[in-house]
Amino acid sequence: MGFGFSNVPATFQRAMACIFEDIDDVDIYIDDLLASTETEQQHIHVLEKIFQRLRTHNMKLAMKNQLEQLSGFVQWIARFIPNVANVIAELSKLLKKNAKWKWDSTHEDAFAQLKKAIENTQLLHHPKQSDPFMVHCDASDVVVGAALLQIHNGVLVPIEFISKKFDKH
């Protein structure tokens, strides 16, 4: 289908609806598929059906686009994840201009580490202006990170986390 035709989105929507109509727990909006299930096992089963159907119809997922969306989400919650730039650094290499997409065990490990970091996001506390602040910093050749901390009721608590991946010049 060519670009610029006003009926393309509706036609594509109908085609996607026909392709996936017999798979329960899947909602479709143009090129977005949403699988919603009760259990993890059901979810995996539905995803397997979706992937099989995509293969049957010679459709491919845009993995780079998915990683860009994940990266955007991670940036949105970055203030809750200590040293997030270091966690996502390996995956970010796949997003560089002209980078060849090759997902390997390094990326799988980085993805697992990112999921664990997201699962363990920190509860940030409101700063108490009357109490002293502490800044803990760390840096490597790849990233720099810092944590703004305070002691509340005898416990060291995070106020804010920041981190940044260095650009190569």
N, C-alpha and C. Protein backbone atom coordinates (compact mmCIF):
# COMPACT_ATOMS: atom_id res chain seq x y z
N MET A 1 0.84 -1.19 0.00
CA MET A 1 0.00 0.00 0.00
C MET A 1 0.88 1.25 0.00
N GLY A 2 0.49 2.22 -0.78
CA GLY A 2 1.26 3.45 -0.84
C GLY A 2 0.94 4.37 0.31
N PHE A 3 1.86 5.28 0.55
CA PHE A 3 1.64 6.28 1.59
C PHE A 3 0.80 7.42 1.02
N GLY A 4 0.06 8.08 1.88
CA GLY A 4 -0.70 9.24 1.46
C GLY A 4 -2.16 8.95 1.13
N PHE A 5 -2.51 7.69 1.00
CA PHE A 5 -3.90 7.36 0.74
C PHE A 5 -4.67 7.40 2.06
N SER A 6 -5.81 8.03 2.05
CA SER A 6 -6.54 8.25 3.31
C SER A 6 -7.15 6.97 3.88
N ASN A 7 -7.34 5.95 3.07
CA ASN A 7 -7.96 4.73 3.58
C ASN A 7 -6.95 3.68 4.06
N VAL A 8 -5.67 3.95 3.97
CA VAL A 8 -4.65 2.97 4.34
C VAL A 8 -4.77 2.53 5.80
N PRO A 9 -4.89 3.44 6.78
CA PRO A 9 -4.98 2.97 8.17
C PRO A 9 -6.18 2.05 8.41
N ALA A 10 -7.32 2.39 7.86
CA ALA A 10 -8.52 1.56 8.05
C ALA A 10 -8.36 0.20 7.38
N THR A 11 -7.78 0.19 6.19
CA THR A 11 -7.55 -1.07 5.48
C THR A 11 -6.58 -1.95 6.25
N PHE A 12 -5.51 -1.35 6.75
CA PHE A 12 -4.53 -2.11 7.54
C PHE A 12 -5.16 -2.64 8.82
N GLN A 13 -5.96 -1.81 9.47
CA GLN A 13 -6.65 -2.22 10.70
C GLN A 13 -7.53 -3.44 10.43
N ARG A 14 -8.28 -3.42 9.32
CA ARG A 14 -9.15 -4.55 8.99
C ARG A 14 -8.32 -5.81 8.71
N ALA A 15 -7.21 -5.65 8.00
CA ALA A 15 -6.35 -6.80 7.70
C ALA A 15 -5.79 -7.40 8.98
N MET A 16 -5.32 -6.56 9.89
CA MET A 16 -4.79 -7.06 11.17
C MET A 16 -5.89 -7.74 11.98
N ALA A 17 -7.08 -7.17 11.98
CA ALA A 17 -8.20 -7.77 12.71
C ALA A 17 -8.52 -9.16 12.16
N CYS A 18 -8.48 -9.31 10.84
CA CYS A 18 -8.74 -10.62 10.23
C CYS A 18 -7.65 -11.63 10.58
N ILE A 19 -6.41 -11.19 10.57
CA ILE A 19 -5.28 -12.09 10.85
C ILE A 19 -5.34 -12.63 12.28
N PHE A 20 -5.73 -11.78 13.22
CA PHE A 20 -5.68 -12.16 14.64
C PHE A 20 -7.06 -12.39 15.26
N GLU A 21 -8.13 -12.44 14.45
CA GLU A 21 -9.49 -12.48 15.00
C GLU A 21 -9.77 -13.69 15.89
N ASP A 22 -9.13 -14.81 15.65
CA ASP A 22 -9.44 -16.01 16.43
C ASP A 22 -8.54 -16.19 17.65
N ILE A 23 -7.66 -15.23 17.92
CA ILE A 23 -6.81 -15.31 19.10
C ILE A 23 -7.44 -14.45 20.19
N ASP A 24 -7.93 -15.13 21.23
CA ASP A 24 -8.53 -14.40 22.36
C ASP A 24 -7.45 -13.63 23.10
N ASP A 25 -7.86 -12.65 23.84
CA ASP A 25 -6.96 -11.86 24.70
C ASP A 25 -6.01 -10.97 23.92
N VAL A 26 -6.32 -10.67 22.65
CA VAL A 26 -5.49 -9.77 21.85
C VAL A 26 -6.35 -8.64 21.33
N ASP A 27 -5.93 -7.43 21.58
CA ASP A 27 -6.58 -6.24 21.02
C ASP A 27 -5.62 -5.61 20.03
N ILE A 28 -6.18 -5.07 18.96
CA ILE A 28 -5.35 -4.51 17.89
C ILE A 28 -5.75 -3.07 17.64
N TYR A 29 -4.75 -2.22 17.55
CA TYR A 29 -4.97 -0.85 17.10
C TYR A 29 -3.92 -0.57 16.03
N ILE A 30 -4.31 -0.61 14.81
CA ILE A 30 -3.48 -0.45 13.63
C ILE A 30 -2.30 -1.44 13.69
N ASP A 31 -1.10 -0.99 14.07
CA ASP A 31 0.04 -1.92 14.11
C ASP A 31 0.48 -2.25 15.54
N ASP A 32 -0.35 -1.92 16.51
CA ASP A 32 -0.05 -2.25 17.90
C ASP A 32 -0.92 -3.42 18.34
N LEU A 33 -0.28 -4.42 18.94
CA LEU A 33 -0.99 -5.58 19.48
C LEU A 33 -0.86 -5.55 20.99
N LEU A 34 -1.97 -5.73 21.67
CA LEU A 34 -1.96 -5.76 23.13
C LEU A 34 -2.52 -7.10 23.59
N ALA A 35 -1.66 -7.88 24.25
CA ALA A 35 -2.08 -9.16 24.81
C ALA A 35 -2.32 -8.97 26.29
N SER A 36 -3.52 -9.33 26.75
CA SER A 36 -3.83 -9.21 28.18
C SER A 36 -4.42 -10.53 28.65
N THR A 37 -3.75 -11.13 29.63
CA THR A 37 -4.15 -12.45 30.12
C THR A 37 -4.16 -12.45 31.64
N GLU A 38 -4.66 -13.54 32.20
CA GLU A 38 -4.75 -13.68 33.66
C GLU A 38 -3.44 -14.15 34.29
N THR A 39 -2.72 -15.04 33.60
CA THR A 39 -1.51 -15.63 34.19
C THR A 39 -0.33 -15.50 33.24
N GLU A 40 0.85 -15.68 33.78
CA GLU A 40 2.06 -15.63 32.96
C GLU A 40 2.05 -16.75 31.92
N GLN A 41 1.62 -17.93 32.32
CA GLN A 41 1.57 -19.07 31.41
C GLN A 41 0.61 -18.80 30.24
N GLN A 42 -0.56 -18.25 30.53
CA GLN A 42 -1.50 -17.89 29.47
C GLN A 42 -0.88 -16.84 28.55
N HIS A 43 -0.17 -15.89 29.14
CA HIS A 43 0.43 -14.81 28.36
C HIS A 43 1.46 -15.37 27.37
N ILE A 44 2.30 -16.26 27.86
CA ILE A 44 3.30 -16.88 26.99
C ILE A 44 2.62 -17.65 25.86
N HIS A 45 1.54 -18.35 26.17
CA HIS A 45 0.80 -19.10 25.16
C HIS A 45 0.23 -18.16 24.09
N VAL A 46 -0.36 -17.06 24.51
CA VAL A 46 -0.91 -16.09 23.56
C VAL A 46 0.20 -15.46 22.72
N LEU A 47 1.32 -15.13 23.35
CA LEU A 47 2.44 -14.55 22.59
C LEU A 47 2.96 -15.54 21.55
N GLU A 48 3.05 -16.81 21.91
CA GLU A 48 3.48 -17.83 20.94
C GLU A 48 2.54 -17.88 19.75
N LYS A 49 1.24 -17.79 20.00
CA LYS A 49 0.25 -17.76 18.91
C LYS A 49 0.46 -16.53 18.03
N ILE A 50 0.68 -15.38 18.67
CA ILE A 50 0.89 -14.14 17.91
C ILE A 50 2.13 -14.27 17.03
N PHE A 51 3.23 -14.73 17.60
CA PHE A 51 4.48 -14.85 16.83
C PHE A 51 4.31 -15.84 15.67
N GLN A 52 3.61 -16.93 15.92
CA GLN A 52 3.37 -17.91 14.85
C GLN A 52 2.54 -17.28 13.74
N ARG A 53 1.51 -16.54 14.10
CA ARG A 53 0.66 -15.89 13.12
C ARG A 53 1.45 -14.85 12.32
N LEU A 54 2.32 -14.11 12.98
CA LEU A 54 3.17 -13.15 12.27
C LEU A 54 4.05 -13.86 11.25
N ARG A 55 4.65 -14.99 11.65
CA ARG A 55 5.49 -15.76 10.72
C ARG A 55 4.66 -16.27 9.53
N THR A 56 3.48 -16.78 9.82
CA THR A 56 2.61 -17.31 8.77
C THR A 56 2.31 -16.25 7.71
N HIS A 57 2.16 -15.02 8.14
CA HIS A 57 1.80 -13.92 7.22
C HIS A 57 3.02 -13.09 6.81
N ASN A 58 4.22 -13.64 7.03
CA ASN A 58 5.47 -12.97 6.64
C ASN A 58 5.57 -11.55 7.18
N MET A 59 5.13 -11.37 8.42
CA MET A 59 5.22 -10.06 9.06
C MET A 59 6.37 -10.10 10.06
N LYS A 60 7.09 -9.00 10.15
CA LYS A 60 8.23 -8.92 11.06
C LYS A 60 8.03 -7.79 12.05
N LEU A 61 8.50 -8.01 13.26
CA LEU A 61 8.46 -6.97 14.28
C LEU A 61 9.62 -6.01 14.07
N ALA A 62 9.40 -4.76 14.33
CA ALA A 62 10.45 -3.74 14.23
C ALA A 62 11.15 -3.66 15.59
N MET A 63 12.14 -4.54 15.78
CA MET A 63 12.78 -4.66 17.09
C MET A 63 13.47 -3.37 17.52
N LYS A 64 14.07 -2.66 16.58
CA LYS A 64 14.73 -1.40 16.94
C LYS A 64 13.71 -0.41 17.48
N ASN A 65 12.54 -0.36 16.86
CA ASN A 65 11.48 0.54 17.35
C ASN A 65 11.04 0.14 18.75
N GLN A 66 10.94 -1.16 19.00
CA GLN A 66 10.55 -1.63 20.33
C GLN A 66 11.59 -1.23 21.37
N LEU A 67 12.87 -1.36 21.00
CA LEU A 67 13.93 -0.99 21.93
C LEU A 67 13.93 0.52 22.17
N GLU A 68 13.61 1.31 21.14
CA GLU A 68 13.50 2.76 21.32
C GLU A 68 12.37 3.10 22.29
N GLN A 69 11.24 2.40 22.18
CA GLN A 69 10.13 2.63 23.11
C GLN A 69 10.53 2.24 24.53
N LEU A 70 11.22 1.11 24.67
CA LEU A 70 11.68 0.69 25.99
C LEU A 70 12.64 1.71 26.57
N SER A 71 13.54 2.20 25.74
CA SER A 71 14.51 3.20 26.20
C SER A 71 13.80 4.47 26.66
N GLY A 72 12.77 4.88 25.93
CA GLY A 72 11.99 6.04 26.33
C GLY A 72 11.29 5.83 27.66
N PHE A 73 10.74 4.63 27.85
CA PHE A 73 10.10 4.31 29.12
C PHE A 73 11.11 4.35 30.26
N VAL A 74 12.29 3.78 30.02
CA VAL A 74 13.33 3.75 31.06
C VAL A 74 13.75 5.18 31.41
N GLN A 75 13.87 6.05 30.42
CA GLN A 75 14.22 7.44 30.71
C GLN A 75 13.13 8.12 31.54
N TRP A 76 11.90 7.74 31.31
CA TRP A 76 10.78 8.31 32.04
C TRP A 76 10.83 7.93 33.52
N ILE A 77 11.28 6.71 33.83
CA ILE A 77 11.36 6.26 35.23
C ILE A 77 12.79 6.29 35.77
N ALA A 78 13.71 6.90 35.04
CA ALA A 78 15.13 6.86 35.40
C ALA A 78 15.43 7.38 36.80
N ARG A 79 14.68 8.34 37.25
CA ARG A 79 14.98 8.92 38.57
C ARG A 79 14.74 7.94 39.71
N PHE A 80 14.09 6.82 39.43
CA PHE A 80 13.82 5.81 40.46
C PHE A 80 14.81 4.63 40.41
N ILE A 81 15.72 4.64 39.43
CA ILE A 81 16.63 3.52 39.24
C ILE A 81 18.07 4.00 39.40
N PRO A 82 18.75 3.53 40.42
CA PRO A 82 20.15 3.92 40.59
C PRO A 82 21.00 3.48 39.39
N ASN A 83 21.83 4.40 38.91
CA ASN A 83 22.79 4.12 37.84
C ASN A 83 22.14 3.51 36.60
N VAL A 84 21.00 4.02 36.21
CA VAL A 84 20.24 3.46 35.09
C VAL A 84 21.01 3.55 33.78
N ALA A 85 21.81 4.59 33.60
CA ALA A 85 22.57 4.72 32.34
C ALA A 85 23.52 3.56 32.16
N ASN A 86 24.12 3.09 33.23
CA ASN A 86 25.01 1.94 33.13
C ASN A 86 24.23 0.67 32.80
N VAL A 87 23.02 0.57 33.35
CA VAL A 87 22.19 -0.61 33.13
C VAL A 87 21.77 -0.71 31.66
N ILE A 88 21.47 0.43 31.03
CA ILE A 88 20.94 0.41 29.66
C ILE A 88 22.01 0.66 28.60
N ALA A 89 23.25 0.90 29.01
CA ALA A 89 24.32 1.27 28.08
C ALA A 89 24.51 0.25 26.95
N GLU A 90 24.54 -1.03 27.29
CA GLU A 90 24.78 -2.06 26.27
C GLU A 90 23.63 -2.11 25.26
N LEU A 91 22.41 -1.96 25.73
CA LEU A 91 21.26 -1.97 24.82
C LEU A 91 21.25 -0.72 23.93
N SER A 92 21.73 0.39 24.46
CA SER A 92 21.75 1.64 23.70
C SER A 92 22.65 1.56 22.47
N LYS A 93 23.63 0.69 22.51
CA LYS A 93 24.52 0.54 21.35
C LYS A 93 23.75 0.09 20.11
N LEU A 94 22.69 -0.67 20.32
CA LEU A 94 21.88 -1.13 19.19
C LEU A 94 21.06 0.00 18.56
N LEU A 95 20.92 1.11 19.26
CA LEU A 95 20.11 2.23 18.77
C LEU A 95 20.93 3.28 18.03
N LYS A 96 22.24 3.10 18.00
CA LYS A 96 23.08 4.08 17.32
C LYS A 96 22.78 4.07 15.82
N LYS A 97 23.00 5.23 15.22
CA LYS A 97 22.78 5.36 13.79
C LYS A 97 23.69 4.38 13.05
N ASN A 98 23.14 3.70 12.08
CA ASN A 98 23.85 2.72 11.26
C ASN A 98 24.34 1.50 12.03
N ALA A 99 23.85 1.29 13.25
CA ALA A 99 24.23 0.10 14.01
C ALA A 99 23.52 -1.11 13.41
N LYS A 100 24.26 -2.20 13.24
CA LYS A 100 23.65 -3.43 12.74
C LYS A 100 22.95 -4.12 13.90
N TRP A 101 21.70 -4.51 13.67
CA TRP A 101 20.93 -5.15 14.73
C TRP A 101 21.36 -6.60 14.84
N LYS A 102 21.98 -6.94 15.95
CA LYS A 102 22.33 -8.33 16.23
C LYS A 102 22.19 -8.53 17.73
N TRP A 103 21.09 -9.13 18.13
CA TRP A 103 20.81 -9.39 19.55
C TRP A 103 21.57 -10.65 19.94
N ASP A 104 22.45 -10.54 20.92
CA ASP A 104 23.22 -11.71 21.36
C ASP A 104 23.12 -11.86 22.87
N SER A 105 23.93 -12.74 23.43
CA SER A 105 23.84 -13.02 24.87
C SER A 105 24.20 -11.79 25.71
N THR A 106 25.06 -10.92 25.19
CA THR A 106 25.39 -9.68 25.90
C THR A 106 24.14 -8.83 26.08
N HIS A 107 23.35 -8.72 25.02
CA HIS A 107 22.12 -7.93 25.07
C HIS A 107 21.06 -8.62 25.92
N GLU A 108 21.02 -9.93 25.84
CA GLU A 108 20.06 -10.68 26.66
C GLU A 108 20.37 -10.48 28.15
N ASP A 109 21.67 -10.51 28.50
CA ASP A 109 22.07 -10.27 29.89
C ASP A 109 21.74 -8.85 30.32
N ALA A 110 22.00 -7.87 29.43
CA ALA A 110 21.70 -6.47 29.74
C ALA A 110 20.20 -6.28 29.92
N PHE A 111 19.40 -6.94 29.08
CA PHE A 111 17.95 -6.84 29.18
C PHE A 111 17.46 -7.44 30.50
N ALA A 112 18.03 -8.58 30.89
CA ALA A 112 17.66 -9.20 32.17
C ALA A 112 18.03 -8.29 33.34
N GLN A 113 19.19 -7.65 33.25
CA GLN A 113 19.62 -6.71 34.30
C GLN A 113 18.69 -5.51 34.35
N LEU A 114 18.26 -5.02 33.19
CA LEU A 114 17.33 -3.90 33.14
C LEU A 114 15.98 -4.28 33.76
N LYS A 115 15.47 -5.45 33.43
CA LYS A 115 14.20 -5.89 34.01
C LYS A 115 14.30 -5.97 35.53
N LYS A 116 15.42 -6.49 36.02
CA LYS A 116 15.62 -6.59 37.46
C LYS A 116 15.68 -5.19 38.09
N ALA A 117 16.36 -4.26 37.41
CA ALA A 117 16.44 -2.89 37.92
C ALA A 117 15.06 -2.24 37.97
N ILE A 118 14.24 -2.49 36.94
CA ILE A 118 12.88 -1.93 36.92
C ILE A 118 12.03 -2.54 38.03
N GLU A 119 12.19 -3.84 38.25
CA GLU A 119 11.45 -4.51 39.33
C GLU A 119 11.82 -3.95 40.70
N ASN A 120 13.06 -3.49 40.83
CA ASN A 120 13.56 -3.02 42.12
C ASN A 120 13.70 -1.50 42.20
N THR A 121 12.81 -0.79 41.50
CA THR A 121 12.88 0.66 41.56
C THR A 121 12.78 1.13 43.01
N GLN A 122 13.42 2.23 43.27
CA GLN A 122 13.51 2.76 44.63
C GLN A 122 12.35 3.73 44.91
N LEU A 123 11.91 3.72 46.14
CA LEU A 123 10.96 4.72 46.60
C LEU A 123 11.75 5.98 46.92
N LEU A 124 11.43 7.05 46.25
CA LEU A 124 12.12 8.32 46.52
C LEU A 124 11.38 9.05 47.63
N HIS A 125 12.13 9.75 48.44
CA HIS A 125 11.56 10.48 49.57
C HIS A 125 11.59 11.98 49.29
N HIS A 126 10.68 12.70 49.91
CA HIS A 126 10.68 14.15 49.80
C HIS A 126 11.85 14.70 50.61
N PRO A 127 12.54 15.67 50.05
CA PRO A 127 13.67 16.24 50.80
C PRO A 127 13.18 17.07 51.99
N LYS A 128 13.97 17.03 53.03
CA LYS A 128 13.73 17.89 54.19
C LYS A 128 14.76 19.01 54.11
N GLN A 129 14.28 20.20 53.80
CA GLN A 129 15.19 21.32 53.56
C GLN A 129 16.04 21.65 54.78
N SER A 130 15.57 21.31 55.96
CA SER A 130 16.32 21.64 57.18
C SER A 130 17.44 20.64 57.47
N ASP A 131 17.45 19.49 56.80
CA ASP A 131 18.47 18.47 57.04
C ASP A 131 19.56 18.52 55.97
N PRO A 132 20.77 18.09 56.31
CA PRO A 132 21.85 18.09 55.31
C PRO A 132 21.61 17.02 54.24
N PHE A 133 22.14 17.29 53.06
CA PHE A 133 22.07 16.37 51.94
C PHE A 133 23.42 15.68 51.77
N MET A 134 23.41 14.49 51.21
CA MET A 134 24.63 13.79 50.85
C MET A 134 24.54 13.46 49.37
N VAL A 135 25.66 13.60 48.67
CA VAL A 135 25.72 13.25 47.26
C VAL A 135 26.76 12.15 47.10
N HIS A 136 26.33 11.02 46.56
CA HIS A 136 27.25 9.93 46.26
C HIS A 136 27.39 9.86 44.75
N CYS A 137 28.64 9.88 44.27
CA CYS A 137 28.90 9.89 42.84
C CYS A 137 29.73 8.67 42.44
N ASP A 138 29.58 8.27 41.20
CA ASP A 138 30.36 7.17 40.65
C ASP A 138 30.50 7.42 39.16
N ALA A 139 31.63 7.03 38.59
CA ALA A 139 31.84 7.23 37.16
C ALA A 139 32.72 6.12 36.62
N SER A 140 32.54 5.87 35.34
CA SER A 140 33.39 4.93 34.61
C SER A 140 33.72 5.59 33.28
N ASP A 141 34.31 4.85 32.37
CA ASP A 141 34.59 5.38 31.04
C ASP A 141 33.31 5.53 30.23
N VAL A 142 32.24 4.89 30.67
CA VAL A 142 31.00 4.84 29.90
C VAL A 142 29.91 5.75 30.46
N VAL A 143 29.76 5.76 31.79
CA VAL A 143 28.66 6.50 32.41
C VAL A 143 29.11 7.22 33.68
N VAL A 144 28.29 8.18 34.09
CA VAL A 144 28.46 8.84 35.38
C VAL A 144 27.11 8.78 36.08
N GLY A 145 27.14 8.60 37.39
CA GLY A 145 25.89 8.53 38.13
C GLY A 145 26.03 9.19 39.48
N ALA A 146 24.90 9.59 40.05
CA ALA A 146 24.91 10.21 41.37
C ALA A 146 23.59 9.91 42.08
N ALA A 147 23.68 9.94 43.39
CA ALA A 147 22.49 9.77 44.23
C ALA A 147 22.47 10.89 45.24
N LEU A 148 21.34 11.56 45.35
CA LEU A 148 21.12 12.58 46.37
C LEU A 148 20.40 11.88 47.52
N LEU A 149 21.00 11.92 48.72
CA LEU A 149 20.50 11.17 49.86
C LEU A 149 20.33 12.06 51.08
N GLN A 150 19.51 11.60 52.00
CA GLN A 150 19.35 12.25 53.31
C GLN A 150 19.09 11.17 54.34
N ILE A 151 19.30 11.53 55.59
CA ILE A 151 18.95 10.63 56.68
C ILE A 151 17.60 11.09 57.23
N HIS A 152 16.61 10.18 57.14
CA HIS A 152 15.27 10.42 57.69
C HIS A 152 15.03 9.40 58.79
N ASN A 153 14.81 9.88 59.99
CA ASN A 153 14.56 8.99 61.14
C ASN A 153 15.64 7.92 61.29
N GLY A 154 16.89 8.33 61.09
CA GLY A 154 18.02 7.42 61.28
C GLY A 154 18.30 6.48 60.12
N VAL A 155 17.57 6.62 59.02
CA VAL A 155 17.74 5.74 57.87
C VAL A 155 18.17 6.57 56.66
N LEU A 156 19.21 6.12 55.96
CA LEU A 156 19.67 6.79 54.74
C LEU A 156 18.68 6.48 53.62
N VAL A 157 18.07 7.52 53.05
CA VAL A 157 17.04 7.34 52.02
C VAL A 157 17.40 8.13 50.77
N PRO A 158 16.98 7.63 49.59
CA PRO A 158 17.25 8.35 48.35
C PRO A 158 16.23 9.47 48.12
N ILE A 159 16.74 10.59 47.65
CA ILE A 159 15.89 11.72 47.25
C ILE A 159 15.79 11.74 45.72
N GLU A 160 16.89 11.45 45.06
CA GLU A 160 16.95 11.50 43.60
C GLU A 160 18.13 10.69 43.10
N PHE A 161 17.97 10.05 41.94
CA PHE A 161 19.07 9.39 41.25
C PHE A 161 19.21 10.04 39.89
N ILE A 162 20.44 10.23 39.45
CA ILE A 162 20.69 10.69 38.08
C ILE A 162 21.86 9.89 37.52
N SER A 163 21.83 9.69 36.22
CA SER A 163 22.97 9.06 35.55
C SER A 163 22.93 9.45 34.09
N LYS A 164 24.09 9.39 33.47
CA LYS A 164 24.22 9.82 32.08
C LYS A 164 25.28 8.99 31.40
N LYS A 165 24.97 8.50 30.22
CA LYS A 165 25.94 7.79 29.40
C LYS A 165 26.74 8.84 28.64
N PHE A 166 28.05 8.68 28.63
CA PHE A 166 28.90 9.62 27.91
C PHE A 166 28.74 9.43 26.41
N ASP A 167 28.74 10.54 25.69
CA ASP A 167 28.75 10.49 24.23
C ASP A 167 30.19 10.35 23.78
N LYS A 168 30.40 9.58 22.73
CA LYS A 168 31.76 9.47 22.17
C LYS A 168 31.93 10.58 21.16
N HIS A 169 33.07 11.24 21.25
CA HIS A 169 33.35 12.33 20.29
C HIS A 169 34.44 11.90 19.35
